């Protein structure tokens, strides 16, 4: 079940939202909100009150080579914003 969570998103905005008990994770594209909440609760031993998900489309990229322009695309990915119960936190920088 914890294979649903790929990695936490550690940006300036997400660290600021950590004060309001909100955390962001990159998750598997096929995961639903219930599976995400259960995975976060199991991995970090916290209580999740809400989950919001966002699907991001991969950007189109091109590379110029000797043979010409080679088109490509970055993969699509999914972000989950998790809000915790009052008084609970997750220390994402503990393992760094």
PDB file of N, CA and C in Angstrom:
ATOM      1  N   UNK A   1       0.809  -1.191   0.000  1.00  0.00           N
ATOM      2  CA  UNK A   1       0.000   0.000   0.000  1.00  0.00           C
ATOM      3  C   UNK A   1       0.854   1.258   0.000  1.00  0.00           C
ATOM      4  N   UNK A   2       2.017   1.230   0.633  1.00  0.00           N
ATOM      5  CA  UNK A   2       2.871   2.414   0.632  1.00  0.00           C
ATOM      6  C   UNK A   2       3.551   2.615  -0.713  1.00  0.00           C
ATOM      7  N   UNK A   3       3.404   1.666  -1.649  1.00  0.00           N
ATOM      8  CA  UNK A   3       3.950   1.846  -2.988  1.00  0.00           C
ATOM      9  C   UNK A   3       3.149   2.881  -3.766  1.00  0.00           C
ATOM     10  N   UNK A   4       2.041   3.336  -3.212  1.00  0.00           N
ATOM     11  CA  UNK A   4       1.229   4.381  -3.839  1.00  0.00           C
ATOM     12  C   UNK A   4       1.969   5.711  -3.783  1.00  0.00           C
ATOM     13  N   UNK A   5       2.662   5.972  -2.686  1.00  0.00           N
ATOM     14  CA  UNK A   5       3.412   7.216  -2.526  1.00  0.00           C
ATOM     15  C   UNK A   5       4.765   7.085  -3.199  1.00  0.00           C
ATOM     16  N   UNK A   6       5.037   7.935  -4.184  1.00  0.00           N
ATOM     17  CA  UNK A   6       6.316   7.881  -4.885  1.00  0.00           C
ATOM     18  C   UNK A   6       7.358   8.693  -4.132  1.00  0.00           C
ATOM     19  N   UNK A   7       7.047   9.985  -3.869  1.00  0.00           N
ATOM     20  CA  UNK A   7       7.970  10.837  -3.126  1.00  0.00           C
ATOM     21  C   UNK A   7       7.226  12.055  -2.593  1.00  0.00           C
ATOM     22  N   UNK A   8       7.717  12.623  -1.483  1.00  0.00           N
ATOM     23  CA  UNK A   8       7.123  13.879  -1.026  1.00  0.00           C
ATOM     24  C   UNK A   8       7.637  15.030  -1.879  1.00  0.00           C
ATOM     25  N   UNK A   9       6.823  16.053  -2.048  1.00  0.00           N
ATOM     26  CA  UNK A   9       7.237  17.228  -2.812  1.00  0.00           C
ATOM     27  C   UNK A   9       7.728  18.288  -1.827  1.00  0.00           C
ATOM     28  N   UNK A  10       9.018  18.569  -1.870  1.00  0.00           N
ATOM     29  CA  UNK A  10       9.635  19.514  -0.946  1.00  0.00           C
ATOM     30  C   UNK A  10       9.998  20.789  -1.699  1.00  0.00           C
ATOM     31  N   UNK A  11       9.078  21.721  -1.740  1.00  0.00           N
ATOM     32  CA  UNK A  11       9.325  23.013  -2.355  1.00  0.00           C
ATOM     33  C   UNK A  11       9.109  24.086  -1.296  1.00  0.00           C
ATOM     34  N   UNK A  12       9.415  25.320  -1.629  1.00  0.00           N
ATOM     35  CA  UNK A  12       9.212  26.409  -0.674  1.00  0.00           C
ATOM     36  C   UNK A  12       7.737  26.551  -0.320  1.00  0.00           C
ATOM     37  N   UNK A  13       6.889  26.442  -1.317  1.00  0.00           N
ATOM     38  CA  UNK A  13       5.455  26.581  -1.081  1.00  0.00           C
ATOM     39  C   UNK A  13       4.932  25.452  -0.187  1.00  0.00           C
ATOM     40  N   UNK A  14       5.396  24.226  -0.429  1.00  0.00           N
ATOM     41  CA  UNK A  14       4.922  23.092   0.364  1.00  0.00           C
ATOM     42  C   UNK A  14       5.442  23.164   1.797  1.00  0.00           C
ATOM     43  N   UNK A  15       6.649  23.677   2.005  1.00  0.00           N
ATOM     44  CA  UNK A  15       7.149  23.817   3.374  1.00  0.00           C
ATOM     45  C   UNK A  15       6.349  24.874   4.123  1.00  0.00           C
ATOM     46  N   UNK A  16       5.933  25.927   3.435  1.00  0.00           N
ATOM     47  CA  UNK A  16       5.096  26.946   4.073  1.00  0.00           C
ATOM     48  C   UNK A  16       3.720  26.381   4.417  1.00  0.00           C
ATOM     49  N   UNK A  17       3.170  25.525   3.550  1.00  0.00           N
ATOM     50  CA  UNK A  17       1.863  24.919   3.825  1.00  0.00           C
ATOM     51  C   UNK A  17       1.933  23.868   4.930  1.00  0.00           C
ATOM     52  N   UNK A  18       3.134  23.389   5.245  1.00  0.00           N
ATOM     53  CA  UNK A  18       3.295  22.421   6.324  1.00  0.00           C
ATOM     54  C   UNK A  18       2.852  22.974   7.665  1.00  0.00           C
ATOM     55  N   UNK A  19       2.923  24.300   7.823  1.00  0.00           N
ATOM     56  CA  UNK A  19       2.477  24.924   9.071  1.00  0.00           C
ATOM     57  C   UNK A  19       0.962  24.817   9.239  1.00  0.00           C
ATOM     58  N   UNK A  20       0.247  24.710   8.120  1.00  0.00           N
ATOM     59  CA  UNK A  20      -1.207  24.547   8.191  1.00  0.00           C
ATOM     60  C   UNK A  20      -1.610  23.081   7.998  1.00  0.00           C
ATOM     61  N   UNK A  21      -0.705  22.157   8.299  1.00  0.00           N
ATOM     62  CA  UNK A  21      -0.934  20.705   8.282  1.00  0.00           C
ATOM     63  C   UNK A  21      -1.237  20.164   6.900  1.00  0.00           C
ATOM     64  N   UNK A  22      -0.717  20.797   5.838  1.00  0.00           N
ATOM     65  CA  UNK A  22      -0.919  20.304   4.477  1.00  0.00           C
ATOM     66  C   UNK A  22       0.416  19.838   3.903  1.00  0.00           C
ATOM     67  N   UNK A  23       0.399  18.677   3.278  1.00  0.00           N
ATOM     68  CA  UNK A  23       1.604  18.094   2.698  1.00  0.00           C
ATOM     69  C   UNK A  23       1.277  17.590   1.303  1.00  0.00           C
ATOM     70  N   UNK A  24       2.286  17.607   0.421  1.00  0.00           N
ATOM     71  CA  UNK A  24       2.076  17.175  -0.958  1.00  0.00           C
ATOM     72  C   UNK A  24       2.970  15.976  -1.271  1.00  0.00           C
ATOM     73  N   UNK A  25       2.427  15.054  -2.031  1.00  0.00           N
ATOM     74  CA  UNK A  25       3.150  13.858  -2.437  1.00  0.00           C
ATOM     75  C   UNK A  25       2.923  13.610  -3.919  1.00  0.00           C
ATOM     76  N   UNK A  26       3.954  13.101  -4.579  1.00  0.00           N
ATOM     77  CA  UNK A  26       3.762  12.571  -5.922  1.00  0.00           C
ATOM     78  C   UNK A  26       3.287  11.137  -5.729  1.00  0.00           C
ATOM     79  N   UNK A  27       2.181  10.799  -6.395  1.00  0.00           N
ATOM     80  CA  UNK A  27       1.577   9.484  -6.202  1.00  0.00           C
ATOM     81  C   UNK A  27       1.410   8.786  -7.550  1.00  0.00           C
ATOM     82  N   UNK A  28       1.100   7.513  -7.498  1.00  0.00           N
ATOM     83  CA  UNK A  28       0.836   6.723  -8.697  1.00  0.00           C
ATOM     84  C   UNK A  28      -0.416   7.278  -9.366  1.00  0.00           C
ATOM     85  N   UNK A  29      -0.403   7.358 -10.699  1.00  0.00           N
ATOM     86  CA  UNK A  29      -1.521   7.978 -11.423  1.00  0.00           C
ATOM     87  C   UNK A  29      -2.841   7.247 -11.241  1.00  0.00           C
ATOM     88  N   UNK A  30      -2.802   5.956 -10.957  1.00  0.00           N
ATOM     89  CA  UNK A  30      -4.034   5.177 -10.841  1.00  0.00           C
ATOM     90  C   UNK A  30      -4.617   5.192  -9.435  1.00  0.00           C
ATOM     91  N   UNK A  31      -3.931   5.818  -8.472  1.00  0.00           N
ATOM     92  CA  UNK A  31      -4.391   5.812  -7.081  1.00  0.00           C
ATOM     93  C   UNK A  31      -5.571   6.761  -6.892  1.00  0.00           C
ATOM     94  N   UNK A  32      -6.541   6.342  -6.073  1.00  0.00           N
ATOM     95  CA  UNK A  32      -7.655   7.228  -5.750  1.00  0.00           C
ATOM     96  C   UNK A  32      -7.437   7.847  -4.368  1.00  0.00           C
ATOM     97  N   UNK A  33      -8.333   8.742  -3.962  1.00  0.00           N
ATOM     98  CA  UNK A  33      -8.152   9.489  -2.721  1.00  0.00           C
ATOM     99  C   UNK A  33      -8.171   8.595  -1.486  1.00  0.00           C
ATOM    100  N   UNK A  34      -8.990   7.569  -1.498  1.00  0.00           N
ATOM    101  CA  UNK A  34      -9.079   6.666  -0.351  1.00  0.00           C
ATOM    102  C   UNK A  34      -7.775   5.889  -0.184  1.00  0.00           C
ATOM    103  N   UNK A  35      -7.221   5.389  -1.282  1.00  0.00           N
ATOM    104  CA  UNK A  35      -5.950   4.655  -1.221  1.00  0.00           C
ATOM    105  C   UNK A  35      -4.813   5.571  -0.771  1.00  0.00           C
ATOM    106  N   UNK A  36      -4.808   6.808  -1.231  1.00  0.00           N
ATOM    107  CA  UNK A  36      -3.762   7.758  -0.844  1.00  0.00           C
ATOM    108  C   UNK A  36      -3.843   8.042   0.651  1.00  0.00           C
ATOM    109  N   UNK A  37      -5.042   8.275   1.163  1.00  0.00           N
ATOM    110  CA  UNK A  37      -5.216   8.558   2.589  1.00  0.00           C
ATOM    111  C   UNK A  37      -4.757   7.375   3.437  1.00  0.00           C
ATOM    112  N   UNK A  38      -5.120   6.161   3.046  1.00  0.00           N
ATOM    113  CA  UNK A  38      -4.709   4.976   3.804  1.00  0.00           C
ATOM    114  C   UNK A  38      -3.195   4.802   3.775  1.00  0.00           C
ATOM    115  N   UNK A  39      -2.559   5.085   2.630  1.00  0.00           N
ATOM    116  CA  UNK A  39      -1.108   4.928   2.516  1.00  0.00           C
ATOM    117  C   UNK A  39      -0.377   5.939   3.405  1.00  0.00           C
ATOM    118  N   UNK A  40      -0.850   7.174   3.444  1.00  0.00           N
ATOM    119  CA  UNK A  40      -0.219   8.197   4.290  1.00  0.00           C
ATOM    120  C   UNK A  40      -0.425   7.854   5.762  1.00  0.00           C
ATOM    121  N   UNK A  41      -1.617   7.415   6.129  1.00  0.00           N
ATOM    122  CA  UNK A  41      -1.889   7.042   7.516  1.00  0.00           C
ATOM    123  C   UNK A  41      -1.026   5.874   7.963  1.00  0.00           C
ATOM    124  N   UNK A  42      -0.834   4.905   7.080  1.00  0.00           N
ATOM    125  CA  UNK A  42      -0.026   3.727   7.430  1.00  0.00           C
ATOM    126  C   UNK A  42       1.456   4.072   7.531  1.00  0.00           C
ATOM    127  N   UNK A  43       1.959   4.875   6.590  1.00  0.00           N
ATOM    128  CA  UNK A  43       3.392   5.167   6.565  1.00  0.00           C
ATOM    129  C   UNK A  43       3.820   6.113   7.678  1.00  0.00           C
ATOM    130  N   UNK A  44       3.007   7.136   7.977  1.00  0.00           N
ATOM    131  CA  UNK A  44       3.430   8.160   8.927  1.00  0.00           C
ATOM    132  C   UNK A  44       2.684   8.118  10.254  1.00  0.00           C
ATOM    133  N   UNK A  45       1.743   7.209  10.441  1.00  0.00           N
ATOM    134  CA  UNK A  45       0.973   7.050  11.678  1.00  0.00           C
ATOM    135  C   UNK A  45       0.286   8.357  12.062  1.00  0.00           C
ATOM    136  N   UNK A  46      -0.467   8.928  11.127  1.00  0.00           N
ATOM    137  CA  UNK A  46      -1.229  10.157  11.339  1.00  0.00           C
ATOM    138  C   UNK A  46      -2.667   9.928  10.872  1.00  0.00           C
ATOM    139  N   UNK A  47      -3.540  10.906  11.135  1.00  0.00           N
ATOM    140  CA  UNK A  47      -4.926  10.830  10.684  1.00  0.00           C
ATOM    141  C   UNK A  47      -5.140  11.863   9.588  1.00  0.00           C
ATOM    142  N   UNK A  48      -5.584  11.418   8.425  1.00  0.00           N
ATOM    143  CA  UNK A  48      -5.816  12.290   7.275  1.00  0.00           C
ATOM    144  C   UNK A  48      -7.269  12.759   7.293  1.00  0.00           C
ATOM    145  N   UNK A  49      -7.472  14.086   7.149  1.00  0.00           N
ATOM    146  CA  UNK A  49      -8.837  14.615   7.122  1.00  0.00           C
ATOM    147  C   UNK A  49      -9.322  14.856   5.701  1.00  0.00           C
ATOM    148  N   UNK A  50      -8.428  15.244   4.775  1.00  0.00           N
ATOM    149  CA  UNK A  50      -8.862  15.443   3.387  1.00  0.00           C
ATOM    150  C   UNK A  50      -7.706  15.195   2.436  1.00  0.00           C
ATOM    151  N   UNK A  51      -8.068  14.820   1.210  1.00  0.00           N
ATOM    152  CA  UNK A  51      -7.097  14.592   0.138  1.00  0.00           C
ATOM    153  C   UNK A  51      -7.604  15.288  -1.110  1.00  0.00           C
ATOM    154  N   UNK A  52      -6.740  16.083  -1.727  1.00  0.00           N
ATOM    155  CA  UNK A  52      -7.050  16.700  -3.015  1.00  0.00           C
ATOM    156  C   UNK A  52      -6.019  16.210  -4.021  1.00  0.00           C
ATOM    157  N   UNK A  53      -6.449  15.891  -5.229  1.00  0.00           N
ATOM    158  CA  UNK A  53      -5.534  15.365  -6.234  1.00  0.00           C
ATOM    159  C   UNK A  53      -5.538  16.242  -7.475  1.00  0.00           C
ATOM    160  N   UNK A  54      -4.386  16.286  -8.136  1.00  0.00           N
ATOM    161  CA  UNK A  54      -4.213  17.060  -9.351  1.00  0.00           C
ATOM    162  C   UNK A  54      -3.456  16.203 -10.349  1.00  0.00           C
ATOM    163  N   UNK A  55      -3.978  16.109 -11.590  1.00  0.00           N
ATOM    164  CA  UNK A  55      -3.278  15.401 -12.660  1.00  0.00           C
ATOM    165  C   UNK A  55      -2.512  16.418 -13.499  1.00  0.00           C
ATOM    166  N   UNK A  56      -1.222  16.178 -13.689  1.00  0.00           N
ATOM    167  CA  UNK A  56      -0.389  17.042 -14.515  1.00  0.00           C
ATOM    168  C   UNK A  56      -0.051  16.322 -15.810  1.00  0.00           C
ATOM    169  N   UNK A  57      -0.199  17.015 -16.916  1.00  0.00           N
ATOM    170  CA  UNK A  57       0.188  16.469 -18.210  1.00  0.00           C
ATOM    171  C   UNK A  57       1.678  16.733 -18.411  1.00  0.00           C
ATOM    172  N   UNK A  58       2.388  15.748 -18.992  1.00  0.00           N
ATOM    173  CA  UNK A  58       3.807  15.904 -19.249  1.00  0.00           C
ATOM    174  C   UNK A  58       4.060  16.924 -20.348  1.00  0.00           C
ATOM    175  N   UNK A  59       5.137  17.683 -20.181  1.00  0.00           N
ATOM    176  CA  UNK A  59       5.465  18.710 -21.172  1.00  0.00           C
ATOM    177  C   UNK A  59       6.030  18.075 -22.443  1.00  0.00           C
ATOM    178  N   UNK A  60       5.731  18.690 -23.555  1.00  0.00           N
ATOM    179  CA  UNK A  60       6.318  18.272 -24.827  1.00  0.00           C
ATOM    180  C   UNK A  60       7.702  18.892 -24.929  1.00  0.00           C
ATOM    181  N   UNK A  61       8.676  18.104 -25.294  1.00  0.00           N
ATOM    182  CA  UNK A  61      10.055  18.557 -25.420  1.00  0.00           C
ATOM    183  C   UNK A  61      10.595  18.133 -26.776  1.00  0.00           C
ATOM    184  N   UNK A  62      11.633  18.818 -27.220  1.00  0.00           N
ATOM    185  CA  UNK A  62      12.293  18.450 -28.474  1.00  0.00           C
ATOM    186  C   UNK A  62      13.792  18.567 -28.280  1.00  0.00           C
ATOM    187  N   UNK A  63      14.523  17.724 -28.968  1.00  0.00           N
ATOM    188  CA  UNK A  63      15.975  17.721 -28.873  1.00  0.00           C
ATOM    189  C   UNK A  63      16.537  17.819 -30.287  1.00  0.00           C
ATOM    190  N   UNK A  64      17.459  18.738 -30.467  1.00  0.00           N
ATOM    191  CA  UNK A  64      18.098  18.890 -31.772  1.00  0.00           C
ATOM    192  C   UNK A  64      19.350  18.016 -31.818  1.00  0.00           C
ATOM    193  N   UNK A  65      19.444  17.181 -32.832  1.00  0.00           N
ATOM    194  CA  UNK A  65      20.598  16.316 -33.018  1.00  0.00           C
ATOM    195  C   UNK A  65      21.113  16.486 -34.446  1.00  0.00           C
ATOM    196  N   UNK A  66      22.154  15.741 -34.791  1.00  0.00           N
ATOM    197  CA  UNK A  66      22.678  15.784 -36.159  1.00  0.00           C
ATOM    198  C   UNK A  66      21.644  15.304 -37.175  1.00  0.00           C
ATOM    199  N   UNK A  67      20.795  14.400 -36.735  1.00  0.00           N
ATOM    200  CA  UNK A  67      19.784  13.844 -37.630  1.00  0.00           C
ATOM    201  C   UNK A  67      18.527  14.708 -37.690  1.00  0.00           C
ATOM    202  N   UNK A  68      18.503  15.780 -36.936  1.00  0.00           N
ATOM    203  CA  UNK A  68      17.340  16.659 -36.961  1.00  0.00           C
ATOM    204  C   UNK A  68      16.656  16.729 -35.599  1.00  0.00           C
ATOM    205  N   UNK A  69      15.461  17.234 -35.622  1.00  0.00           N
ATOM    206  CA  UNK A  69      14.694  17.443 -34.401  1.00  0.00           C
ATOM    207  C   UNK A  69      14.005  16.146 -33.998  1.00  0.00           C
ATOM    208  N   UNK A  70      14.198  15.742 -32.729  1.00  0.00           N
ATOM    209  CA  UNK A  70      13.571  14.537 -32.203  1.00  0.00           C
ATOM    210  C   UNK A  70      12.538  14.962 -31.162  1.00  0.00           C
ATOM    211  N   UNK A  71      11.246  14.753 -31.440  1.00  0.00           N
ATOM    212  CA  UNK A  71      10.223  15.152 -30.462  1.00  0.00           C
ATOM    213  C   UNK A  71      10.122  14.137 -29.325  1.00  0.00           C
ATOM    214  N   UNK A  72       9.727  14.613 -28.171  1.00  0.00           N
ATOM    215  CA  UNK A  72       9.558  13.737 -27.022  1.00  0.00           C
ATOM    216  C   UNK A  72       8.552  14.335 -26.055  1.00  0.00           C
ATOM    217  N   UNK A  73       8.321  13.627 -24.960  1.00  0.00           N
ATOM    218  CA  UNK A  73       7.342  14.077 -23.981  1.00  0.00           C
ATOM    219  C   UNK A  73       7.742  13.555 -22.618  1.00  0.00           C
ATOM    220  N   UNK A  74       7.638  14.409 -21.610  1.00  0.00           N
ATOM    221  CA  UNK A  74       7.856  13.975 -20.236  1.00  0.00           C
ATOM    222  C   UNK A  74       6.611  13.208 -19.779  1.00  0.00           C
ATOM    223  N   UNK A  75       6.766  12.323 -18.813  1.00  0.00           N
ATOM    224  CA  UNK A  75       5.601  11.526 -18.393  1.00  0.00           C
ATOM    225  C   UNK A  75       4.562  12.356 -17.632  1.00  0.00           C
ATOM    226  N   UNK A  76       3.296  11.924 -17.718  1.00  0.00           N
ATOM    227  CA  UNK A  76       2.235  12.522 -16.915  1.00  0.00           C
ATOM    228  C   UNK A  76       2.431  12.083 -15.468  1.00  0.00           C
ATOM    229  N   UNK A  77       1.986  12.927 -14.507  1.00  0.00           N
ATOM    230  CA  UNK A  77       2.126  12.554 -13.107  1.00  0.00           C
ATOM    231  C   UNK A  77       0.975  13.123 -12.292  1.00  0.00           C
ATOM    232  N   UNK A  78       0.846  12.635 -11.069  1.00  0.00           N
ATOM    233  CA  UNK A  78      -0.267  13.009 -10.212  1.00  0.00           C
ATOM    234  C   UNK A  78       0.263  13.507  -8.874  1.00  0.00           C
ATOM    235  N   UNK A  79      -0.316  14.621  -8.389  1.00  0.00           N
ATOM    236  CA  UNK A  79       0.060  15.193  -7.099  1.00  0.00           C
ATOM    237  C   UNK A  79      -1.122  15.074  -6.163  1.00  0.00           C
ATOM    238  N   UNK A  80      -0.846  14.740  -4.902  1.00  0.00           N
ATOM    239  CA  UNK A  80      -1.887  14.656  -3.886  1.00  0.00           C
ATOM    240  C   UNK A  80      -1.557  15.614  -2.755  1.00  0.00           C
ATOM    241  N   UNK A  81      -2.520  16.480  -2.424  1.00  0.00           N
ATOM    242  CA  UNK A  81      -2.392  17.397  -1.290  1.00  0.00           C
ATOM    243  C   UNK A  81      -3.170  16.782  -0.126  1.00  0.00           C
ATOM    244  N   UNK A  82      -2.458  16.503   0.967  1.00  0.00           N
ATOM    245  CA  UNK A  82      -3.045  15.810   2.110  1.00  0.00           C
ATOM    246  C   UNK A  82      -3.115  16.774   3.288  1.00  0.00           C
ATOM    247  N   UNK A  83      -4.278  16.863   3.927  1.00  0.00           N
ATOM    248  CA  UNK A  83      -4.450  17.672   5.133  1.00  0.00           C
ATOM    249  C   UNK A  83      -4.604  16.728   6.320  1.00  0.00           C
ATOM    250  N   UNK A  84      -3.879  17.026   7.398  1.00  0.00           N
ATOM    251  CA  UNK A  84      -3.884  16.168   8.580  1.00  0.00           C
ATOM    252  C   UNK A  84      -4.811  16.717   9.656  1.00  0.00           C
ATOM    253  N   UNK A  85      -5.092  15.869  10.646  1.00  0.00           N
ATOM    254  CA  UNK A  85      -5.911  16.241  11.786  1.00  0.00           C
ATOM    255  C   UNK A  85      -5.179  17.293  12.615  1.00  0.00           C
ATOM    256  N   UNK A  86      -5.931  18.118  13.308  1.00  0.00           N
ATOM    257  CA  UNK A  86      -5.380  19.195  14.144  1.00  0.00           C
ATOM    258  C   UNK A  86      -4.346  18.653  15.127  1.00  0.00           C
ATOM    259  N   UNK A  87      -3.181  19.279  15.160  1.00  0.00           N
ATOM    260  CA  UNK A  87      -2.129  18.904  16.102  1.00  0.00           C
ATOM    261  C   UNK A  87      -1.158  17.850  15.591  1.00  0.00           C
ATOM    262  N   UNK A  88      -1.353  17.320  14.399  1.00  0.00           N
ATOM    263  CA  UNK A  88      -0.455  16.291  13.868  1.00  0.00           C
ATOM    264  C   UNK A  88       0.426  16.883  12.773  1.00  0.00           C
ATOM    265  N   UNK A  89       1.667  16.388  12.707  1.00  0.00           N
ATOM    266  CA  UNK A  89       2.601  16.842  11.684  1.00  0.00           C
ATOM    267  C   UNK A  89       3.381  15.653  11.146  1.00  0.00           C
ATOM    268  N   UNK A  90       4.033  15.873  10.010  1.00  0.00           N
ATOM    269  CA  UNK A  90       4.917  14.873   9.413  1.00  0.00           C
ATOM    270  C   UNK A  90       6.272  15.535   9.244  1.00  0.00           C
ATOM    271  N   UNK A  91       7.344  14.887   9.725  1.00  0.00           N
ATOM    272  CA  UNK A  91       8.690  15.412   9.543  1.00  0.00           C
ATOM    273  C   UNK A  91       9.295  14.743   8.305  1.00  0.00           C
ATOM    274  N   UNK A  92       9.175  15.394   7.160  1.00  0.00           N
ATOM    275  CA  UNK A  92       9.651  14.810   5.908  1.00  0.00           C
ATOM    276  C   UNK A  92      11.167  14.890   5.763  1.00  0.00           C
ATOM    277  N   UNK A  93      11.819  15.779   6.506  1.00  0.00           N
ATOM    278  CA  UNK A  93      13.272  15.938   6.404  1.00  0.00           C
ATOM    279  C   UNK A  93      14.029  15.096   7.420  1.00  0.00           C
ATOM    280  N   UNK A  94      13.349  14.204   8.118  1.00  0.00           N
ATOM    281  CA  UNK A  94      13.997  13.393   9.147  1.00  0.00           C
ATOM    282  C   UNK A  94      14.994  12.402   8.537  1.00  0.00           C
ATOM    283  N   UNK A  95      14.710  11.879   7.349  1.00  0.00           N
ATOM    284  CA  UNK A  95      15.559  10.859   6.737  1.00  0.00           C
ATOM    285  C   UNK A  95      16.640  11.426   5.829  1.00  0.00           C
ATOM    286  N   UNK A  96      16.695  12.747   5.673  1.00  0.00           N
ATOM    287  CA  UNK A  96      17.652  13.356   4.754  1.00  0.00           C
ATOM    288  C   UNK A  96      18.989  13.499   5.416  1.00  0.00           C
TER     289      UNK A  96
END
